[in-house]
Amino acid sequence: MRLRSAICDACSRIRKRPNPAGTTSLDRVLPFCEAFPGGVPDQIYFGGFDHRQGHPGDGGVLFELREGGEPALAAYEQDTGERGVVSGRE
C-alpha cells in the first residue's frame, strides 16, 4: 500500500502484472509501462517523482494523462504539493 498517490495512477501508459517473487502487499504486483518495461522505479511509483519531467532510463517516454485521469492527477498534485516532487535528475 502506498502512502501517497503516484502520478502513474493518472497515466495512460501504466500496466500491472503479477510479480511471482512478491512476498508483501507492496511487491505482489509489478507496475510497468512503455518507459519502464522492467518495472516503474520506486522513486516514481512510491516516491512522488513527477514523471512529467524526464527520469533516467525512461527513454524520453513521459507521463500521458489517461482519459478520465484528472481526479487521480489532482490527488497526486495535492499529495505532492501541486507541482510534484522533481528530484533525482542528473
Protein backbone atom coordinates (compact mmCIF):
# COMPACT_ATOMS: atom_id res chain seq x y z
CA MET A 1 0.00 0.00 0.00
CA ARG A 2 1.34 3.40 -0.99
CA LEU A 3 1.15 6.32 1.43
CA ARG A 4 0.61 8.86 -1.34
CA SER A 5 -0.80 8.98 -4.83
CA ALA A 6 1.51 8.25 -7.73
CA ILE A 7 1.41 10.12 -11.00
CA CYS A 8 1.14 6.65 -12.56
CA ASP A 9 -2.46 6.44 -11.30
CA ALA A 10 -3.40 9.08 -13.86
CA CYS A 11 -1.20 7.82 -16.71
CA SER A 12 -2.46 6.09 -19.84
CA ARG A 13 0.75 4.09 -20.12
CA ILE A 14 0.66 2.23 -16.77
CA ARG A 15 0.11 -1.52 -16.70
CA LYS A 16 0.44 -4.07 -13.90
CA ARG A 17 1.39 -7.72 -13.88
CA PRO A 18 1.72 -10.29 -11.10
CA ASN A 19 5.14 -10.49 -9.50
CA PRO A 20 5.80 -14.16 -8.68
CA ALA A 21 8.69 -13.15 -6.41
CA GLY A 22 6.48 -10.77 -4.42
CA THR A 23 6.07 -11.53 -0.75
CA THR A 24 4.27 -8.45 0.59
CA SER A 25 1.32 -6.33 -0.49
CA LEU A 26 3.84 -3.78 -1.79
CA ASP A 27 5.51 -6.11 -4.27
CA ARG A 28 2.87 -8.68 -5.33
CA VAL A 29 2.07 -6.57 -8.38
CA LEU A 30 4.71 -5.08 -10.65
CA PRO A 31 3.79 -1.74 -12.25
CA PHE A 32 5.37 -1.26 -15.68
CA CYS A 33 4.89 0.91 -18.75
CA GLU A 34 6.41 1.88 -22.09
CA ALA A 35 9.04 3.98 -20.32
CA PHE A 36 9.92 1.25 -17.81
CA PRO A 37 9.06 -2.19 -19.24
CA GLY A 38 11.04 -3.87 -16.46
CA GLY A 39 9.10 -2.03 -13.78
CA VAL A 40 8.42 1.57 -12.76
CA PRO A 41 11.18 2.81 -10.42
CA ASP A 42 10.19 3.11 -6.77
CA GLN A 43 11.16 6.80 -6.88
CA ILE A 44 8.24 7.37 -9.27
CA TYR A 45 5.68 4.80 -8.10
CA PHE A 46 6.23 5.19 -4.35
CA GLY A 47 8.36 8.30 -4.01
CA GLY A 48 6.31 11.00 -5.70
CA PHE A 49 8.68 11.84 -8.56
CA ASP A 50 6.81 13.86 -11.20
CA HIS A 51 7.22 11.89 -14.42
CA ARG A 52 6.05 14.85 -16.49
CA GLN A 53 9.79 15.53 -16.17
CA GLY A 54 12.41 13.18 -17.54
CA HIS A 55 13.82 10.42 -15.36
CA PRO A 56 16.98 8.41 -16.02
CA GLY A 57 16.16 5.32 -18.06
CA ASP A 58 12.77 6.44 -19.40
CA GLY A 59 13.98 6.73 -23.00
CA GLY A 60 12.15 10.04 -23.35
CA VAL A 61 8.74 8.43 -22.73
CA LEU A 62 6.90 10.61 -20.21
CA PHE A 63 3.58 10.71 -18.36
CA GLU A 64 0.49 10.89 -20.57
CA LEU A 65 -2.85 11.72 -18.95
CA ARG A 66 -5.35 8.91 -19.41
CA GLU A 67 -8.95 9.64 -20.29
CA GLY A 68 -10.77 10.35 -17.05
CA GLY A 69 -7.48 10.62 -15.15
CA GLU A 70 -7.99 14.20 -13.98
CA PRO A 71 -9.13 13.25 -10.43
CA ALA A 72 -6.14 10.95 -9.96
CA LEU A 73 -3.78 13.66 -11.23
CA ALA A 74 -5.36 16.21 -8.88
CA ALA A 75 -4.89 13.80 -5.94
CA TYR A 76 -1.24 13.29 -6.93
CA GLU A 77 -0.67 17.04 -7.18
CA GLN A 78 -2.32 17.63 -3.81
CA ASP A 79 -0.26 14.88 -2.15
CA THR A 80 2.99 16.21 -3.57
CA GLY A 81 2.38 19.95 -3.28
CA GLU A 82 0.72 20.94 -6.56
CA ARG A 83 3.75 20.67 -8.83
CA GLY A 84 5.02 17.27 -7.82
CA VAL A 85 8.35 16.26 -6.41
CA VAL A 86 11.05 16.60 -9.02
CA SER A 87 14.26 15.09 -7.77
CA GLY A 88 16.92 12.64 -8.81
CA ARG A 89 17.55 14.35 -12.15
CA GLU A 90 21.19 14.49 -13.05
